[in-house]
Amino acid sequence: MLNLVISVVPILLLIWMMTKKNALPSHIALPVTALLIGALQLFYFGSDVTLLSANIVAGMLSAITPISIIAGAILLNRTIALSGAEDVIRQWLETISRNQVAQLMIIGWAFAFMIEGASGFGTPAAIAAPILVGLGFNPLKVAMLALVMNSVPVSFGAVGTPTWFGFGNLGLSDSELLEVGRNSALMHAIAAFVIPVLALRFVVSWQQIRRNMLFIQLSILACTVPYILFAQWNYEFPSLIGGAIGLAVSIVLARYKVGLEEPEADTQHKTTHIPFGQIVKAMSPTLMLIVILIVTRIQQLGIKGMLTDVTPMLNLNLGFLGDLSISQALIIKLSNILGTETAWAYKTLYVPALIPFFLVVLISIPVFKLPKAVVKQVFSETASRIKMPFIALVGALIMVKFMMMGGDNSPIMTTGRAFSDLTGTNWQFFASYLGALGAFFSGSATVSNLTFGGIQQTIAHTVGLPDTTILALQSVGGSMGNMVCINNIIAVSTILGIANKEGYIIKRTVIPMVLYGAIVAVVSVFI
């Protein structure tokens, strides 16, 4: 019993620190929790100091993967914004339809769906929300819509990072990871019949929604059908491809007014014709991103094999620090860290950072003829934005490493057994909410999966539930938790100039989040 209390207290403390009245930011709360768990491992569980130190090193190095992806996503986002491409995209989307529901579904749903698949980490809200406000929608209502709409694609955001990296510590085979992806895609797709509709209600009336319901459901299906199909064989592309197809189909449907009521004449907003060449140029970074990702991820094209080649090129013994190796594909690996079995690796060319984000930005600079001052601004703004997330991720990853130390008696196993004893086989009705809790306090579905994936797996094994189903519920939970995540709410509010409305937003977005969890729990019974 004491072991359970000792195991659970740091997590409860973390939740309290990040949800109290004057909440601590994640870049303080997560490292503090990691420090506490480290002290407990040392003084209560009697862990070896060297092993503890090796896990600190591995945790710090592991943060390079997500932070390099975040940096790349922000770099591209700032390039699109500061080049003027974002304004062109907004003006073009405005010309497609004057129907408010059509505009909200095209930009807030399909466009954001695609951007989430490509970059994730808050980028969809950063790009889509300002466009909607520019079209005349209320900023506070747009913030809530963006948070709720952008939950469905998150499991496969940033080319599947929450799935392949979030569950990377669990020893799953590729086929098991694919099964987790399939299950989570199905759960998301079923919930998607309802969730975007609830998001629309923040901005428009039920009457408007009912009169345009055919278009809404067709736009939803245009994203979720290819999303499910791609998830059958790949856990990197579902959101990216689903969003791209959904965006194209939604635009065509809106152009031909399929399922849409004719809006009243608008004398306030005059749309200007945007030349096709200008639209293509503005969309070129996003189009390049999609093409490069597809070319480098499809095994049959041969480039994926080149980017993941583990053939050794250089081997160095760093003494007590461990063994460093660099492969022909520049995969950097540090083995036997501090003389332990702890290891770390970084796929330099395959992690979606240098390729495609940095590469697309380098190509976009001459395409948009960006002056040196703007290029400098793009990089300086990116650097300033990743400082705090980097500290938070280092804290989260060290915390996860510490939670998993100790084998069967590790804090994560002890906590898992307690949950399984409490709920038994009914755990699948609660699993998604644990994932949501992780995203709520950490600000990331990826970190939620890293933090609670081990607990979910332990519970599944203990009570005899399929671990791929429970991990899928964790993945969906981490996604739906983005609706109430304080970090996301602050980020979108800051972008839209909304002050001191975090509590107001959470009270309203928590309702669709709870419903989301109930829907996927029922779906999980039939998987």
Protein backbone atom coordinates (compact mmCIF):
# COMPACT_ATOMS: atom_id res chain seq x y z
CA MET A 1 0.00 0.00 0.00
CA LEU A 2 2.84 2.39 0.88
CA ASN A 3 4.49 1.62 -2.48
CA LEU A 4 1.28 2.68 -4.25
CA VAL A 5 1.03 5.94 -2.31
CA ILE A 6 4.69 6.73 -3.02
CA SER A 7 4.14 5.92 -6.71
CA VAL A 8 0.97 7.98 -7.14
CA VAL A 9 1.82 11.08 -5.05
CA PRO A 10 4.24 12.62 -7.61
CA ILE A 11 1.62 12.35 -10.40
CA LEU A 12 -1.09 13.84 -8.15
CA LEU A 13 1.34 16.60 -7.17
CA LEU A 14 2.03 17.27 -10.86
CA ILE A 15 -1.69 17.55 -11.63
CA TRP A 16 -2.18 19.88 -8.64
CA MET A 17 0.79 22.09 -9.61
CA MET A 18 -0.57 22.54 -13.13
CA THR A 19 -4.25 23.05 -12.26
CA LYS A 20 -4.18 25.13 -9.04
CA LYS A 21 -5.26 28.80 -9.08
CA ASN A 22 -1.79 30.17 -9.81
CA ALA A 23 -0.74 27.14 -11.86
CA LEU A 24 2.90 26.39 -12.49
CA PRO A 25 3.87 26.17 -16.18
CA SER A 26 4.84 22.73 -17.51
CA HIS A 27 8.52 23.74 -17.87
CA ILE A 28 8.66 24.08 -14.07
CA ALA A 29 6.13 21.45 -12.93
CA LEU A 30 7.50 18.55 -15.02
CA PRO A 31 11.19 18.94 -14.02
CA VAL A 32 10.13 19.34 -10.35
CA THR A 33 8.12 16.10 -10.58
CA ALA A 34 11.07 14.33 -12.26
CA LEU A 35 13.34 15.51 -9.42
CA LEU A 36 10.88 14.21 -6.81
CA ILE A 37 10.53 10.79 -8.48
CA GLY A 38 14.32 10.61 -8.83
CA ALA A 39 14.70 11.29 -5.09
CA LEU A 40 12.10 8.61 -4.29
CA GLN A 41 13.90 6.11 -6.56
CA LEU A 42 17.16 6.85 -4.78
CA PHE A 43 16.06 7.04 -1.14
CA TYR A 44 12.89 4.91 -1.00
CA PHE A 45 13.19 2.31 -3.76
CA GLY A 46 16.98 2.09 -3.36
CA SER A 47 17.80 2.43 -7.05
CA ASP A 48 21.40 2.37 -8.21
CA VAL A 49 22.87 5.89 -8.56
CA THR A 50 24.62 5.00 -11.83
CA LEU A 51 21.43 3.62 -13.37
CA LEU A 52 19.55 6.71 -12.21
CA SER A 53 22.18 8.94 -13.81
CA ALA A 54 22.10 6.91 -17.05
CA ASN A 55 18.33 7.43 -17.27
CA ILE A 56 18.79 11.17 -16.77
CA VAL A 57 21.24 11.24 -19.69
CA ALA A 58 18.91 9.11 -21.85
CA GLY A 59 15.88 11.25 -20.92
CA MET A 60 17.69 14.48 -21.83
CA LEU A 61 18.88 13.06 -25.15
CA SER A 62 15.42 11.62 -25.94
CA ALA A 63 13.97 15.14 -25.83
CA ILE A 64 15.93 15.94 -29.01
CA THR A 65 13.44 13.96 -31.14
CA PRO A 66 10.21 15.82 -30.24
CA ILE A 67 11.86 19.23 -29.81
CA SER A 68 13.52 19.04 -33.23
CA ILE A 69 10.10 18.27 -34.76
CA ILE A 70 8.50 21.15 -32.83
CA ALA A 71 11.30 23.50 -33.93
CA GLY A 72 10.80 22.47 -37.57
CA ALA A 73 7.02 22.96 -37.34
CA ILE A 74 7.37 26.44 -35.81
CA LEU A 75 10.06 27.36 -38.35
CA LEU A 76 7.70 26.53 -41.21
CA ASN A 77 4.78 28.27 -39.49
CA ARG A 78 6.77 31.51 -39.08
CA THR A 79 8.01 31.30 -42.68
CA ILE A 80 4.43 31.02 -43.99
CA ALA A 81 3.23 33.85 -41.73
CA LEU A 82 6.08 36.33 -42.26
CA SER A 83 6.29 35.75 -46.03
CA GLY A 84 2.69 36.90 -46.50
CA ALA A 85 1.62 33.44 -47.71
CA GLU A 86 -0.79 33.11 -44.77
CA ASP A 87 -2.67 36.28 -45.86
CA VAL A 88 -2.94 35.00 -49.44
CA ILE A 89 -4.34 31.65 -48.21
CA ARG A 90 -6.89 33.51 -46.05
CA GLN A 91 -8.02 35.74 -48.94
CA TRP A 92 -8.30 32.73 -51.27
CA LEU A 93 -10.34 30.66 -48.80
CA GLU A 94 -12.65 33.65 -48.36
CA THR A 95 -13.48 33.57 -52.09
CA ILE A 96 -14.56 29.89 -52.03
CA SER A 97 -17.80 30.42 -50.09
CA ARG A 98 -19.55 33.14 -48.07
CA ASN A 99 -21.47 30.51 -46.11
CA GLN A 100 -20.20 30.63 -42.51
CA VAL A 101 -20.54 26.88 -41.93
CA ALA A 102 -18.59 26.16 -45.12
CA GLN A 103 -15.81 28.53 -44.07
CA LEU A 104 -15.61 26.97 -40.59
CA MET A 105 -15.51 23.41 -41.95
CA ILE A 106 -12.98 24.14 -44.72
CA ILE A 107 -10.56 26.08 -42.50
CA GLY A 108 -11.31 24.97 -38.94
CA TRP A 109 -11.83 21.29 -39.82
CA ALA A 110 -10.25 20.10 -43.10
CA PHE A 111 -7.37 22.60 -43.44
CA ALA A 112 -6.47 22.24 -39.73
CA PHE A 113 -6.75 18.42 -40.10
CA MET A 114 -4.10 18.48 -42.85
CA ILE A 115 -1.81 20.91 -40.98
CA GLU A 116 -2.04 18.71 -37.86
CA GLY A 117 -0.97 15.70 -39.92
CA ALA A 118 2.03 17.59 -41.28
CA SER A 119 3.29 19.45 -38.23
CA GLY A 120 1.10 19.14 -35.12
CA PHE A 121 2.29 20.69 -31.85
CA GLY A 122 -0.29 23.53 -31.88
CA THR A 123 0.48 24.60 -35.47
CA PRO A 124 -3.12 24.07 -36.78
CA ALA A 125 -4.60 26.51 -34.26
CA ALA A 126 -1.75 28.94 -34.95
CA ILE A 127 -2.53 28.92 -38.70
CA ALA A 128 -6.28 28.23 -38.93
CA ALA A 129 -7.62 30.35 -36.04
CA PRO A 130 -6.19 33.71 -37.27
CA ILE A 131 -7.61 33.00 -40.76
CA LEU A 132 -11.10 32.50 -39.27
CA VAL A 133 -10.82 35.67 -37.18
CA GLY A 134 -9.69 37.48 -40.34
CA LEU A 135 -12.95 36.31 -41.96
CA GLY A 136 -14.89 38.13 -39.24
CA PHE A 137 -15.58 35.42 -36.64
CA ASN A 138 -15.45 36.16 -32.89
CA PRO A 139 -11.95 35.33 -31.51
CA LEU A 140 -13.18 33.67 -28.29
CA LYS A 141 -15.64 31.47 -30.18
CA VAL A 142 -12.97 30.61 -32.77
CA ALA A 143 -10.56 29.60 -29.98
CA MET A 144 -13.06 27.06 -28.61
CA LEU A 145 -13.93 25.76 -32.09
CA ALA A 146 -10.24 25.31 -32.98
CA LEU A 147 -9.51 23.41 -29.75
CA VAL A 148 -12.43 20.98 -30.21
CA MET A 149 -12.13 20.54 -34.01
CA ASN A 150 -8.42 19.73 -33.79
CA SER A 151 -8.81 16.63 -31.61
CA VAL A 152 -9.66 13.98 -34.24
CA PRO A 153 -6.36 14.09 -36.24
CA VAL A 154 -3.99 14.40 -33.23
CA SER A 155 -3.08 10.70 -32.85
CA PHE A 156 -1.36 10.95 -36.24
CA GLY A 157 -0.18 14.55 -35.90
CA ALA A 158 3.34 15.59 -36.96
CA VAL A 159 3.58 12.47 -39.17
CA GLY A 160 2.35 10.14 -36.41
CA THR A 161 4.70 11.35 -33.63
CA PRO A 162 2.18 10.69 -30.77
CA THR A 163 1.93 7.07 -31.99
CA TRP A 164 5.43 5.99 -33.09
CA PHE A 165 7.34 8.14 -30.58
CA GLY A 166 4.72 8.31 -27.81
CA PHE A 167 4.56 4.50 -27.57
CA GLY A 168 8.20 3.97 -28.56
CA ASN A 169 9.26 2.89 -25.05
CA LEU A 170 6.79 0.00 -24.77
CA GLY A 171 8.58 -2.64 -26.84
CA LEU A 172 5.74 -3.00 -29.33
CA SER A 173 6.35 -4.70 -32.67
CA ASP A 174 5.60 -2.73 -35.83
CA SER A 175 2.45 -4.79 -36.41
CA GLU A 176 1.23 -4.07 -32.86
CA LEU A 177 1.91 -0.34 -33.32
CA LEU A 178 -0.03 -0.49 -36.59
CA GLU A 179 -2.92 -2.20 -34.79
CA VAL A 180 -2.95 0.61 -32.19
CA GLY A 181 -3.14 3.09 -35.06
CA ARG A 182 -5.98 1.21 -36.77
CA ASN A 183 -8.02 1.05 -33.58
CA SER A 184 -7.48 4.70 -32.67
CA ALA A 185 -8.38 5.81 -36.23
CA LEU A 186 -11.67 3.90 -36.06
CA MET A 187 -12.51 5.37 -32.62
CA HIS A 188 -11.71 8.90 -33.80
CA ALA A 189 -13.74 8.47 -37.01
CA ILE A 190 -16.88 7.36 -35.15
CA ALA A 191 -16.57 10.26 -32.69
CA ALA A 192 -16.05 12.63 -35.64
CA PHE A 193 -19.72 12.32 -36.64
CA VAL A 194 -20.53 14.31 -33.47
CA ILE A 195 -17.47 16.32 -32.31
CA PRO A 196 -17.14 18.83 -35.22
CA VAL A 197 -20.89 19.52 -34.95
CA LEU A 198 -20.48 20.41 -31.27
CA ALA A 199 -17.49 22.59 -32.17
CA LEU A 200 -19.58 24.48 -34.76
CA ARG A 201 -22.18 25.23 -32.09
CA PHE A 202 -19.64 27.49 -30.33
CA VAL A 203 -19.77 29.83 -33.35
CA VAL A 204 -23.09 29.38 -35.20
CA SER A 205 -26.69 28.51 -34.22
CA TRP A 206 -28.28 25.05 -34.27
CA GLN A 207 -30.56 26.32 -37.06
CA GLN A 208 -27.54 27.09 -39.27
CA ILE A 209 -26.00 23.71 -38.45
CA ARG A 210 -29.24 21.84 -39.32
CA ARG A 211 -29.67 23.71 -42.62
CA ASN A 212 -26.07 22.82 -43.64
CA MET A 213 -25.86 19.36 -42.04
CA LEU A 214 -25.38 17.49 -45.33
CA PHE A 215 -22.31 19.56 -46.19
CA ILE A 216 -20.96 19.17 -42.62
CA GLN A 217 -21.19 15.38 -42.69
CA LEU A 218 -19.76 15.14 -46.22
CA SER A 219 -16.81 17.34 -45.18
CA ILE A 220 -16.27 15.15 -42.09
CA LEU A 221 -16.36 11.94 -44.16
CA ALA A 222 -14.04 13.46 -46.79
CA CYS A 223 -11.35 13.55 -44.08
CA THR A 224 -12.18 10.46 -42.00
CA VAL A 225 -12.70 7.90 -44.79
CA PRO A 226 -9.16 8.25 -46.25
CA TYR A 227 -7.95 8.64 -42.64
CA ILE A 228 -9.25 5.16 -41.73
CA LEU A 229 -8.06 3.62 -45.01
CA PHE A 230 -4.49 4.89 -44.62
CA ALA A 231 -4.41 3.79 -40.97
CA GLN A 232 -4.81 0.19 -42.18
CA TRP A 233 -1.20 0.10 -43.41
CA ASN A 234 0.55 3.17 -42.02
CA TYR A 235 0.61 5.16 -38.74
CA GLU A 236 2.36 8.26 -40.10
CA PHE A 237 0.08 9.51 -42.92
CA PRO A 238 -3.61 9.13 -41.91
CA SER A 239 -4.13 12.74 -40.78
CA LEU A 240 -1.92 14.29 -43.46
CA ILE A 241 -3.53 12.43 -46.38
CA GLY A 242 -7.02 12.47 -44.86
CA GLY A 243 -6.79 16.23 -44.33
CA ALA A 244 -5.42 16.91 -47.82
CA ILE A 245 -8.17 14.86 -49.52
CA GLY A 246 -10.80 16.27 -47.15
CA LEU A 247 -9.71 19.84 -47.88
CA ALA A 248 -9.86 19.32 -51.65
CA VAL A 249 -13.28 17.62 -51.48
CA SER A 250 -14.70 20.22 -49.04
CA ILE A 251 -13.59 23.07 -51.34
CA VAL A 252 -15.25 21.43 -54.36
CA LEU A 253 -18.46 20.77 -52.38
CA ALA A 254 -18.53 24.40 -51.20
CA ARG A 255 -17.84 25.74 -54.72
CA TYR A 256 -20.86 23.84 -56.04
CA LYS A 257 -22.93 24.57 -52.88
CA VAL A 258 -23.54 20.86 -52.19
CA GLY A 259 -25.52 20.55 -48.96
CA LEU A 260 -25.22 24.27 -48.25
CA GLU A 261 -27.93 26.90 -47.90
CA GLU A 262 -27.40 30.10 -49.87
CA PRO A 263 -26.03 32.79 -47.49
CA GLU A 264 -27.64 36.22 -47.28
CA ALA A 265 -26.09 38.95 -49.38
CA ASP A 266 -22.99 40.36 -47.68
CA THR A 267 -22.26 44.00 -48.47
CA GLN A 268 -19.54 44.41 -45.83
CA HIS A 269 -16.99 41.91 -47.13
CA LYS A 270 -15.88 42.28 -50.73
CA THR A 271 -13.81 39.36 -51.97
CA THR A 272 -11.00 39.99 -54.41
CA HIS A 273 -9.88 37.55 -57.08
CA ILE A 274 -6.59 35.85 -56.19
CA PRO A 275 -4.51 34.76 -59.21
CA PHE A 276 -4.02 30.97 -59.36
CA GLY A 277 -0.22 31.36 -59.49
CA GLN A 278 -0.28 33.37 -56.28
CA ILE A 279 -2.36 30.67 -54.54
CA VAL A 280 0.04 27.92 -55.67
CA LYS A 281 3.02 29.96 -54.48
CA ALA A 282 1.41 30.58 -51.06
CA MET A 283 0.53 26.87 -50.71
CA SER A 284 3.93 25.68 -52.03
CA PRO A 285 5.57 25.10 -48.59
CA THR A 286 2.62 22.94 -47.47
CA LEU A 287 2.52 21.06 -50.80
CA MET A 288 6.31 20.48 -50.69
CA LEU A 289 5.98 19.23 -47.13
CA ILE A 290 3.34 16.67 -48.11
CA VAL A 291 5.23 15.44 -51.20
CA ILE A 292 8.56 15.06 -49.33
CA LEU A 293 6.88 13.21 -46.45
CA ILE A 294 5.16 10.78 -48.81
CA VAL A 295 8.31 10.14 -50.87
CA THR A 296 10.45 9.52 -47.77
CA ARG A 297 7.91 7.31 -45.95
CA ILE A 298 6.81 4.82 -48.63
CA GLN A 299 9.11 1.80 -48.32
CA GLN A 300 8.77 0.74 -51.96
CA LEU A 301 10.34 3.97 -53.27
CA GLY A 302 13.64 3.04 -51.61
CA ILE A 303 14.36 6.43 -50.02
CA LYS A 304 13.02 5.33 -46.61
CA GLY A 305 15.60 2.51 -46.56
CA MET A 306 18.40 4.98 -47.30
CA LEU A 307 17.26 7.33 -44.51
CA THR A 308 17.04 4.51 -41.95
CA ASP A 309 20.19 2.57 -42.94
CA VAL A 310 21.82 1.27 -39.74
CA THR A 311 25.06 0.14 -41.45
CA PRO A 312 27.84 1.47 -39.15
CA MET A 313 30.00 4.28 -40.49
CA LEU A 314 31.76 5.32 -37.29
CA ASN A 315 32.19 3.65 -33.88
CA LEU A 316 33.71 5.43 -30.89
CA ASN A 317 34.24 4.24 -27.35
CA LEU A 318 33.61 7.16 -25.00
CA GLY A 319 34.84 5.28 -21.96
CA PHE A 320 32.46 5.46 -19.01
CA LEU A 321 29.97 7.57 -21.01
CA GLY A 322 29.22 4.66 -23.36
CA ASP A 323 29.66 3.62 -26.99
CA LEU A 324 28.82 6.11 -29.72
CA SER A 325 27.98 4.92 -33.23
CA ILE A 326 26.95 6.81 -36.37
CA SER A 327 25.39 4.91 -39.27
CA GLN A 328 25.53 5.70 -42.98
CA ALA A 329 22.10 7.35 -42.65
CA LEU A 330 23.50 9.50 -39.79
CA ILE A 331 21.59 7.58 -37.12
CA ILE A 332 23.36 8.59 -33.90
CA LYS A 333 23.28 5.94 -31.18
CA LEU A 334 24.71 5.99 -27.66
CA SER A 335 24.80 2.51 -26.10
CA ASN A 336 25.83 1.26 -22.64
CA ILE A 337 25.33 4.73 -21.14
CA LEU A 338 27.46 5.03 -17.97
CA GLY A 339 28.17 1.31 -18.20
CA THR A 340 24.49 0.32 -17.96
CA GLU A 341 22.18 -1.26 -20.55
CA THR A 342 20.53 2.13 -21.14
CA ALA A 343 20.69 3.37 -24.75
CA TRP A 344 19.50 6.25 -26.94
CA ALA A 345 19.24 6.81 -30.70
CA TYR A 346 18.31 9.67 -33.05
CA LYS A 347 17.46 9.14 -36.72
CA THR A 348 18.84 12.44 -38.03
CA LEU A 349 17.48 12.15 -41.58
CA TYR A 350 14.26 10.28 -40.79
CA VAL A 351 12.86 12.21 -37.81
CA PRO A 352 10.63 14.83 -39.53
CA ALA A 353 12.81 17.79 -38.58
CA LEU A 354 15.72 18.36 -40.99
CA ILE A 355 13.68 16.54 -43.64
CA PRO A 356 11.13 17.88 -44.46
CA PHE A 357 10.68 21.00 -42.26
CA PHE A 358 14.13 22.58 -42.39
CA LEU A 359 14.55 21.57 -46.04
CA VAL A 360 11.18 23.14 -47.02
CA VAL A 361 12.06 26.35 -45.17
CA LEU A 362 15.43 26.58 -46.97
CA ILE A 363 13.66 26.16 -50.34
CA SER A 364 10.90 28.63 -49.38
CA ILE A 365 13.32 31.46 -48.53
CA PRO A 366 14.35 32.09 -52.18
CA VAL A 367 10.84 31.19 -53.47
CA PHE A 368 9.32 34.01 -51.39
CA LYS A 369 12.41 36.22 -51.87
CA LEU A 370 12.61 36.77 -48.10
CA PRO A 371 15.06 39.52 -47.07
CA LYS A 372 17.77 38.69 -44.52
CA ALA A 373 15.94 40.59 -41.76
CA VAL A 374 12.81 38.43 -42.18
CA VAL A 375 14.86 35.19 -42.31
CA LYS A 376 16.58 36.26 -39.10
CA GLN A 377 13.17 36.97 -37.54
CA VAL A 378 11.87 33.52 -38.57
CA PHE A 379 14.78 31.77 -36.82
CA SER A 380 14.85 34.05 -33.75
CA GLU A 381 11.09 33.64 -33.14
CA THR A 382 11.46 29.86 -33.50
CA ALA A 383 14.37 29.80 -31.01
CA SER A 384 12.45 31.85 -28.45
CA ARG A 385 9.37 29.62 -28.75
CA ILE A 386 11.13 26.28 -28.22
CA LYS A 387 13.06 27.15 -25.03
CA MET A 388 10.26 26.40 -22.57
CA PRO A 389 8.84 23.34 -24.43
CA PHE A 390 12.37 21.86 -24.50
CA ILE A 391 12.70 22.16 -20.71
CA ALA A 392 9.20 20.69 -20.27
CA LEU A 393 9.98 17.75 -22.56
CA VAL A 394 13.30 17.03 -20.83
CA GLY A 395 11.43 16.98 -17.51
CA ALA A 396 8.67 14.76 -18.93
CA LEU A 397 11.04 12.23 -20.49
CA ILE A 398 13.28 11.96 -17.42
CA MET A 399 10.12 11.57 -15.31
CA VAL A 400 8.90 8.73 -17.57
CA LYS A 401 12.33 7.02 -17.41
CA PHE A 402 12.27 7.22 -13.59
CA MET A 403 8.66 5.96 -13.42
CA MET A 404 9.65 2.85 -15.39
CA MET A 405 12.70 1.97 -13.29
CA GLY A 406 12.41 -1.04 -11.03
CA GLY A 407 10.84 -3.69 -13.24
CA ASP A 408 7.71 -5.23 -11.66
CA ASN A 409 8.06 -2.94 -8.64
CA SER A 410 8.44 0.26 -10.68
CA PRO A 411 6.08 3.15 -9.85
CA ILE A 412 4.38 2.77 -13.25
CA MET A 413 3.72 -0.97 -12.72
CA THR A 414 2.52 -0.40 -9.14
CA THR A 415 0.10 2.32 -10.31
CA GLY A 416 -1.13 0.15 -13.17
CA ARG A 417 -1.88 -2.78 -10.88
CA ALA A 418 -3.85 -0.49 -8.53
CA PHE A 419 -6.02 0.82 -11.36
CA SER A 420 -6.60 -2.71 -12.67
CA ASP A 421 -7.61 -3.96 -9.21
CA LEU A 422 -10.04 -1.06 -8.85
CA THR A 423 -11.80 -1.34 -12.23
CA GLY A 424 -11.03 -4.84 -13.54
CA THR A 425 -12.17 -5.41 -17.12
CA ASN A 426 -14.24 -2.19 -16.96
CA TRP A 427 -11.00 -0.24 -17.34
CA GLN A 428 -11.67 0.35 -21.04
CA PHE A 429 -14.49 2.74 -20.05
CA PHE A 430 -11.97 4.93 -18.19
CA ALA A 431 -8.77 4.48 -20.21
CA SER A 432 -9.29 7.45 -22.56
CA TYR A 433 -9.80 9.83 -19.63
CA LEU A 434 -6.38 8.92 -18.22
CA GLY A 435 -4.93 9.83 -21.62
CA ALA A 436 -6.87 13.10 -21.57
CA LEU A 437 -5.53 13.85 -18.11
CA GLY A 438 -1.99 13.38 -19.43
CA ALA A 439 -2.56 15.85 -22.28
CA PHE A 440 -4.32 18.26 -19.91
CA PHE A 441 -1.31 18.71 -17.65
CA SER A 442 1.50 18.12 -20.14
CA GLY A 443 0.17 20.02 -23.15
CA SER A 444 0.92 17.21 -25.58
CA ALA A 445 -0.65 13.94 -26.72
CA THR A 446 2.88 12.65 -27.33
CA VAL A 447 3.92 13.36 -23.72
CA SER A 448 0.63 11.88 -22.47
CA ASN A 449 1.39 8.64 -24.37
CA LEU A 450 4.97 8.64 -23.05
CA THR A 451 3.75 9.21 -19.48
CA PHE A 452 0.76 6.87 -19.31
CA GLY A 453 1.43 4.35 -22.10
CA GLY A 454 3.29 2.07 -19.67
CA ILE A 455 0.51 2.26 -17.06
CA GLN A 456 -2.15 1.50 -19.70
CA GLN A 457 -0.14 -1.46 -21.02
CA THR A 458 0.32 -2.85 -17.50
CA ILE A 459 -3.40 -2.56 -16.74
CA ALA A 460 -4.31 -4.27 -20.02
CA HIS A 461 -1.98 -7.21 -19.30
CA THR A 462 -3.17 -7.49 -15.70
CA VAL A 463 -6.93 -7.58 -16.39
CA GLY A 464 -6.67 -9.47 -19.68
CA LEU A 465 -7.77 -6.74 -22.10
CA PRO A 466 -6.10 -6.40 -25.54
CA ASP A 467 -3.23 -3.95 -25.01
CA THR A 468 -3.59 -2.59 -28.58
CA THR A 469 -7.19 -1.57 -27.78
CA ILE A 470 -6.26 0.04 -24.46
CA LEU A 471 -3.28 1.86 -26.00
CA ALA A 472 -5.59 3.09 -28.76
CA LEU A 473 -7.90 4.48 -26.06
CA GLN A 474 -4.86 6.13 -24.47
CA SER A 475 -3.95 7.65 -27.84
CA VAL A 476 -7.49 8.94 -28.42
CA GLY A 477 -7.57 10.24 -24.84
CA GLY A 478 -4.34 12.15 -25.35
CA SER A 479 -5.91 13.68 -28.47
CA MET A 480 -9.21 14.69 -26.90
CA GLY A 481 -7.33 16.10 -23.90
CA ASN A 482 -6.05 18.83 -26.21
CA MET A 483 -9.52 20.42 -25.91
CA VAL A 484 -8.93 21.27 -22.25
CA CYS A 485 -5.15 21.47 -22.23
CA ILE A 486 -4.06 24.68 -20.47
CA ASN A 487 -0.97 25.08 -22.69
CA ASN A 488 -3.06 24.88 -25.88
CA ILE A 489 -5.69 27.25 -24.53
CA ILE A 490 -3.04 29.80 -23.56
CA ALA A 491 -1.33 29.40 -26.96
CA VAL A 492 -4.46 29.95 -29.08
CA SER A 493 -5.67 32.75 -26.77
CA THR A 494 -2.31 34.53 -27.07
CA ILE A 495 -2.39 34.25 -30.88
CA LEU A 496 -5.94 35.68 -31.01
CA GLY A 497 -5.39 38.37 -28.34
CA ILE A 498 -7.80 36.85 -25.78
CA ALA A 499 -6.95 37.58 -22.13
CA ASN A 500 -7.99 35.81 -18.89
CA LYS A 501 -10.58 33.47 -20.43
CA GLU A 502 -8.86 30.13 -19.75
CA GLY A 503 -11.43 29.04 -17.13
CA TYR A 504 -14.34 30.10 -19.36
CA ILE A 505 -12.94 28.07 -22.27
CA ILE A 506 -12.24 24.91 -20.20
CA LYS A 507 -15.78 24.89 -18.73
CA ARG A 508 -17.18 24.73 -22.27
CA THR A 509 -14.68 22.48 -24.05
CA VAL A 510 -14.79 19.87 -21.27
CA ILE A 511 -18.34 18.89 -22.34
CA PRO A 512 -17.42 17.62 -25.84
CA MET A 513 -14.29 16.03 -24.32
CA VAL A 514 -16.35 13.96 -21.84
CA LEU A 515 -18.75 12.94 -24.63
CA TYR A 516 -15.76 11.99 -26.84
CA GLY A 517 -14.51 9.61 -24.11
CA ALA A 518 -17.94 8.01 -23.75
CA ILE A 519 -18.23 7.43 -27.52
CA VAL A 520 -14.81 5.79 -27.89
CA ALA A 521 -15.38 3.63 -24.79
CA VAL A 522 -18.50 2.15 -26.42
CA VAL A 523 -16.68 1.71 -29.76
CA SER A 524 -13.81 -0.12 -27.99
CA VAL A 525 -16.22 -2.83 -26.81
CA PHE A 526 -16.86 -3.86 -30.43
CA ILE A 527 -13.23 -3.80 -31.61
